[in-house]
Amino acid sequence: MKQFLGKCKNATTNNFYTSLNLADKLKSKSTSIVRTMEQSKQEIPDAAKYSKHLLYSTSYYKSIDSTLTAYQCKKKDVLVLNTEHKTDSIIDNEKNEPEKLWYFIIQQNMV
């Protein structure tokens, strides 16, 4: 991964490689990250862990350099951590999906 640091690249990973600490370190080296996160992680806010959201609703939890997007799909909450996108856009469709989730899905399918 060293060859990508400092070159304004993006890393897209699944929840196995996730931590807010890693995201902050990569961001400090001009490398952004987009990834899903498990609800059981300590760094997930309690509001994202334990609250039941309305179907197809989105909540955002922000820190200085990152945004955690919680989206309630039919089966479960999907949590996406993103250090690249600053806007909180919603795709205008019947499921009101957050743009950050679409970006993650597209990036995962490119691999």
C-alpha atoms as a PDB file:
ATOM      1  CA  MET A   1       0.000   0.000   0.000  1.00  0.00           C
ATOM      2  CA  LYS A   2       2.983   2.323   0.489  1.00  0.00           C
ATOM      3  CA  GLN A   3       3.189   3.035  -3.246  1.00  0.00           C
ATOM      4  CA  PHE A   4      -0.280   4.646  -3.101  1.00  0.00           C
ATOM      5  CA  LEU A   5       0.233   6.883  -0.050  1.00  0.00           C
ATOM      6  CA  GLY A   6       0.498  10.606  -0.700  1.00  0.00           C
ATOM      7  CA  LYS A   7      -0.865  10.321  -4.248  1.00  0.00           C
ATOM      8  CA  CYS A   8      -4.518  11.241  -3.603  1.00  0.00           C
ATOM      9  CA  LYS A   9      -5.719   7.667  -4.184  1.00  0.00           C
ATOM     10  CA  ASN A  10      -8.751   5.902  -2.725  1.00  0.00           C
ATOM     11  CA  ALA A  11      -8.916   2.518  -0.984  1.00  0.00           C
ATOM     12  CA  THR A  12     -12.216   0.632  -0.923  1.00  0.00           C
ATOM     13  CA  THR A  13     -12.347  -2.227   1.585  1.00  0.00           C
ATOM     14  CA  ASN A  14     -14.862  -4.429   3.335  1.00  0.00           C
ATOM     15  CA  ASN A  15     -15.448  -4.523   7.080  1.00  0.00           C
ATOM     16  CA  PHE A  16     -12.553  -6.915   7.779  1.00  0.00           C
ATOM     17  CA  TYR A  17      -9.994  -4.112   7.333  1.00  0.00           C
ATOM     18  CA  THR A  18     -11.833  -1.340   9.121  1.00  0.00           C
ATOM     19  CA  SER A  19     -11.023   1.065  11.887  1.00  0.00           C
ATOM     20  CA  LEU A  20     -11.434   4.778  12.325  1.00  0.00           C
ATOM     21  CA  ASN A  21      -7.775   4.952  13.380  1.00  0.00           C
ATOM     22  CA  LEU A  22      -6.677   3.485  10.018  1.00  0.00           C
ATOM     23  CA  ALA A  23      -8.953   5.902   8.154  1.00  0.00           C
ATOM     24  CA  ASP A  24      -7.408   8.870   9.983  1.00  0.00           C
ATOM     25  CA  LYS A  25      -3.858   7.669   9.271  1.00  0.00           C
ATOM     26  CA  LEU A  26      -4.591   7.177   5.574  1.00  0.00           C
ATOM     27  CA  LYS A  27      -6.300  10.575   5.327  1.00  0.00           C
ATOM     28  CA  SER A  28      -3.202  12.234   6.822  1.00  0.00           C
ATOM     29  CA  LYS A  29      -1.230  10.667   3.946  1.00  0.00           C
ATOM     30  CA  SER A  30      -3.616  11.995   1.244  1.00  0.00           C
ATOM     31  CA  THR A  31      -5.294   8.620   0.793  1.00  0.00           C
ATOM     32  CA  SER A  32      -9.049   8.360   1.230  1.00  0.00           C
ATOM     33  CA  ILE A  33     -10.996   5.287   2.213  1.00  0.00           C
ATOM     34  CA  VAL A  34     -14.523   3.993   1.655  1.00  0.00           C
ATOM     35  CA  ARG A  35     -15.619   0.879   3.486  1.00  0.00           C
ATOM     36  CA  THR A  36     -18.382  -0.901   5.312  1.00  0.00           C
ATOM     37  CA  MET A  37     -18.196  -1.294   9.071  1.00  0.00           C
ATOM     38  CA  GLU A  38     -19.582  -3.777  11.571  1.00  0.00           C
ATOM     39  CA  GLN A  39     -22.034  -2.408  14.131  1.00  0.00           C
ATOM     40  CA  SER A  40     -20.108  -4.176  16.884  1.00  0.00           C
ATOM     41  CA  LYS A  41     -17.001  -1.955  16.514  1.00  0.00           C
ATOM     42  CA  GLN A  42     -16.283   0.198  19.577  1.00  0.00           C
ATOM     43  CA  GLU A  43     -15.821   3.326  17.476  1.00  0.00           C
ATOM     44  CA  ILE A  44     -19.376   3.184  16.100  1.00  0.00           C
ATOM     45  CA  PRO A  45     -21.591   5.750  17.884  1.00  0.00           C
ATOM     46  CA  ASP A  46     -24.248   4.205  20.126  1.00  0.00           C
ATOM     47  CA  ALA A  47     -26.944   6.007  18.149  1.00  0.00           C
ATOM     48  CA  ALA A  48     -25.874   4.068  15.041  1.00  0.00           C
ATOM     49  CA  LYS A  49     -25.562   0.761  16.906  1.00  0.00           C
ATOM     50  CA  TYR A  50     -28.774   0.516  18.846  1.00  0.00           C
ATOM     51  CA  SER A  51     -31.423   2.685  17.252  1.00  0.00           C
ATOM     52  CA  LYS A  52     -33.895   1.234  14.801  1.00  0.00           C
ATOM     53  CA  HIS A  53     -34.153   3.523  11.817  1.00  0.00           C
ATOM     54  CA  LEU A  54     -37.115   3.833   9.502  1.00  0.00           C
ATOM     55  CA  LEU A  55     -36.962   1.694   6.373  1.00  0.00           C
ATOM     56  CA  TYR A  56     -34.834   3.371   3.660  1.00  0.00           C
ATOM     57  CA  SER A  57     -33.729   6.160   5.993  1.00  0.00           C
ATOM     58  CA  THR A  58     -30.198   7.522   6.266  1.00  0.00           C
ATOM     59  CA  SER A  59     -28.324   8.977   9.236  1.00  0.00           C
ATOM     60  CA  TYR A  60     -24.919  10.654   9.145  1.00  0.00           C
ATOM     61  CA  TYR A  61     -22.316  10.720  11.916  1.00  0.00           C
ATOM     62  CA  LYS A  62     -19.429  13.079  11.246  1.00  0.00           C
ATOM     63  CA  SER A  63     -15.956  13.579  12.630  1.00  0.00           C
ATOM     64  CA  ILE A  64     -13.304  15.997  11.417  1.00  0.00           C
ATOM     65  CA  ASP A  65     -12.106  13.923   8.456  1.00  0.00           C
ATOM     66  CA  SER A  66     -14.715  11.205   8.005  1.00  0.00           C
ATOM     67  CA  THR A  67     -18.415  10.481   7.743  1.00  0.00           C
ATOM     68  CA  LEU A  68     -20.182   7.334   8.888  1.00  0.00           C
ATOM     69  CA  THR A  69     -23.362   6.796   6.878  1.00  0.00           C
ATOM     70  CA  ALA A  70     -26.018   4.496   8.360  1.00  0.00           C
ATOM     71  CA  TYR A  71     -28.643   3.326   5.877  1.00  0.00           C
ATOM     72  CA  GLN A  72     -31.590   1.124   6.832  1.00  0.00           C
ATOM     73  CA  CYS A  73     -32.304  -1.337   4.034  1.00  0.00           C
ATOM     74  CA  LYS A  74     -34.859  -4.150   4.270  1.00  0.00           C
ATOM     75  CA  LYS A  75     -32.733  -6.656   6.164  1.00  0.00           C
ATOM     76  CA  LYS A  76     -30.325  -4.581   8.283  1.00  0.00           C
ATOM     77  CA  ASP A  77     -28.455  -1.333   8.762  1.00  0.00           C
ATOM     78  CA  VAL A  78     -25.563  -0.788   6.383  1.00  0.00           C
ATOM     79  CA  LEU A  79     -22.707   1.327   7.761  1.00  0.00           C
ATOM     80  CA  VAL A  80     -20.266   2.964   5.343  1.00  0.00           C
ATOM     81  CA  LEU A  81     -17.244   4.948   6.543  1.00  0.00           C
ATOM     82  CA  ASN A  82     -16.014   7.507   4.033  1.00  0.00           C
ATOM     83  CA  THR A  83     -13.139  10.005   4.175  1.00  0.00           C
ATOM     84  CA  GLU A  84     -13.445  11.117   0.555  1.00  0.00           C
ATOM     85  CA  HIS A  85     -16.868  12.676   0.024  1.00  0.00           C
ATOM     86  CA  LYS A  86     -17.942  15.696   2.054  1.00  0.00           C
ATOM     87  CA  THR A  87     -21.523  16.002   0.772  1.00  0.00           C
ATOM     88  CA  ASP A  88     -24.486  13.991   2.026  1.00  0.00           C
ATOM     89  CA  SER A  89     -26.469  13.348  -1.152  1.00  0.00           C
ATOM     90  CA  ILE A  90     -29.399  10.970  -1.493  1.00  0.00           C
ATOM     91  CA  ILE A  91     -30.138   9.151  -4.760  1.00  0.00           C
ATOM     92  CA  ASP A  92     -33.661  10.082  -5.849  1.00  0.00           C
ATOM     93  CA  ASN A  93     -35.248   6.645  -6.170  1.00  0.00           C
ATOM     94  CA  GLU A  94     -37.824   4.603  -4.262  1.00  0.00           C
ATOM     95  CA  LYS A  95     -35.239   3.464  -1.691  1.00  0.00           C
ATOM     96  CA  ASN A  96     -33.652   6.900  -1.065  1.00  0.00           C
ATOM     97  CA  GLU A  97     -30.175   5.366  -1.032  1.00  0.00           C
ATOM     98  CA  PRO A  98     -27.254   7.554   0.062  1.00  0.00           C
ATOM     99  CA  GLU A  99     -24.758   8.408  -2.662  1.00  0.00           C
ATOM    100  CA  LYS A 100     -21.903   7.170  -0.454  1.00  0.00           C
ATOM    101  CA  LEU A 101     -23.433   3.678  -0.416  1.00  0.00           C
ATOM    102  CA  TRP A 102     -23.761   3.687  -4.218  1.00  0.00           C
ATOM    103  CA  TYR A 103     -20.131   4.772  -4.529  1.00  0.00           C
ATOM    104  CA  PHE A 104     -19.025   1.905  -2.273  1.00  0.00           C
ATOM    105  CA  ILE A 105     -21.045  -0.653  -4.266  1.00  0.00           C
ATOM    106  CA  ILE A 106     -19.646   0.605  -7.580  1.00  0.00           C
ATOM    107  CA  GLN A 107     -16.075   0.503  -6.264  1.00  0.00           C
ATOM    108  CA  GLN A 108     -16.523  -3.032  -4.887  1.00  0.00           C
ATOM    109  CA  ASN A 109     -17.904  -4.252  -8.219  1.00  0.00           C
ATOM    110  CA  MET A 110     -14.901  -2.859 -10.113  1.00  0.00           C
ATOM    111  CA  VAL A 111     -12.509  -5.201  -8.296  1.00  0.00           C
END
